[in-house]
Amino acid sequence: MPESAPLLPATAEEIAESLSFALRYDGRRRVHHADEAMARITAERLVRHLERSGYVLMRRPEAAPPSASRHHRP
């Protein structure tokens, strides 16, 4: 297995954004039975519950943006 970057604790905002996205979309397809406001409220309540329950969610660091250049940059 290749070496991967160390995991970082996810912030409450990152978790809420991911949950809100999951409530609004199914893959790339928009789900119309959950509007944006309700998805945000639900996501924020879930995050607060997870924090109170002692959960720690981890995420990978941001990847470098792709480049179309053939030149290698360190």
Protein backbone atom coordinates (compact mmCIF):
# COMPACT_ATOMS: atom_id res chain seq x y z
CA MET A 1 0.00 0.00 0.00
CA PRO A 2 1.52 3.41 -0.97
CA GLU A 3 2.36 5.95 1.72
CA SER A 4 -0.50 8.39 2.08
CA ALA A 5 -0.62 11.83 3.64
CA PRO A 6 -1.52 11.90 7.33
CA LEU A 7 -5.16 12.43 8.18
CA LEU A 8 -6.24 15.73 9.71
CA PRO A 9 -9.21 16.37 11.99
CA ALA A 10 -12.13 17.71 9.97
CA THR A 11 -13.65 20.99 11.15
CA ALA A 12 -17.31 21.27 12.10
CA GLU A 13 -17.88 23.44 9.02
CA GLU A 14 -16.35 20.83 6.70
CA ILE A 15 -18.48 18.08 8.19
CA ALA A 16 -21.65 20.19 7.96
CA GLU A 17 -20.90 21.06 4.32
CA SER A 18 -20.36 17.39 3.42
CA LEU A 19 -23.55 16.30 5.18
CA SER A 20 -25.52 19.14 3.60
CA PHE A 21 -24.25 18.11 0.15
CA ALA A 22 -25.20 14.50 0.82
CA LEU A 23 -28.71 15.58 1.79
CA ARG A 24 -29.12 17.65 -1.40
CA TYR A 25 -27.48 15.34 -3.96
CA ASP A 26 -27.45 11.67 -4.86
CA GLY A 27 -24.12 11.36 -6.61
CA ARG A 28 -24.21 14.24 -9.09
CA ARG A 29 -27.99 14.24 -9.39
CA ARG A 30 -29.90 16.89 -7.43
CA VAL A 31 -32.46 15.53 -4.95
CA HIS A 32 -35.46 17.85 -4.94
CA HIS A 33 -37.15 16.64 -1.79
CA ALA A 34 -34.57 18.31 0.51
CA ASP A 35 -34.14 22.03 -0.01
CA GLU A 36 -30.93 23.84 0.83
CA ALA A 37 -32.08 25.45 4.10
CA MET A 38 -33.38 22.18 5.54
CA ALA A 39 -30.23 20.34 4.45
CA ARG A 40 -28.03 22.95 6.19
CA ILE A 41 -30.09 22.87 9.41
CA THR A 42 -30.08 19.07 9.49
CA ALA A 43 -26.34 18.89 8.79
CA GLU A 44 -25.53 21.37 11.57
CA ARG A 45 -27.66 19.46 14.08
CA LEU A 46 -25.96 16.19 13.10
CA VAL A 47 -22.52 17.79 13.56
CA ARG A 48 -23.44 19.05 17.04
CA HIS A 49 -24.70 15.59 17.98
CA LEU A 50 -21.52 13.91 16.70
CA GLU A 51 -19.35 16.38 18.65
CA ARG A 52 -21.32 15.79 21.87
CA SER A 53 -21.01 12.04 21.34
CA GLY A 54 -17.23 12.26 21.10
CA TYR A 55 -16.83 11.45 17.41
CA VAL A 56 -13.72 12.69 15.63
CA LEU A 57 -13.93 12.65 11.85
CA MET A 58 -10.71 12.74 9.86
CA ARG A 59 -10.01 13.91 6.33
CA ARG A 60 -7.14 13.81 3.88
CA PRO A 61 -5.23 17.06 3.22
CA GLU A 62 -6.16 19.03 0.11
CA ALA A 63 -4.57 17.63 -3.03
CA ALA A 64 -2.52 19.85 -5.31
CA PRO A 65 -4.56 21.19 -8.24
CA PRO A 66 -4.00 19.40 -11.55
CA SER A 67 -1.72 21.01 -14.10
CA ALA A 68 -1.79 20.78 -17.88
CA SER A 69 1.89 21.77 -18.05
CA ARG A 70 4.48 19.14 -18.93
CA HIS A 71 7.00 20.83 -16.65
CA HIS A 72 7.46 19.21 -13.25
CA ARG A 73 7.13 21.65 -10.36
CA PRO A 74 8.33 20.64 -6.90
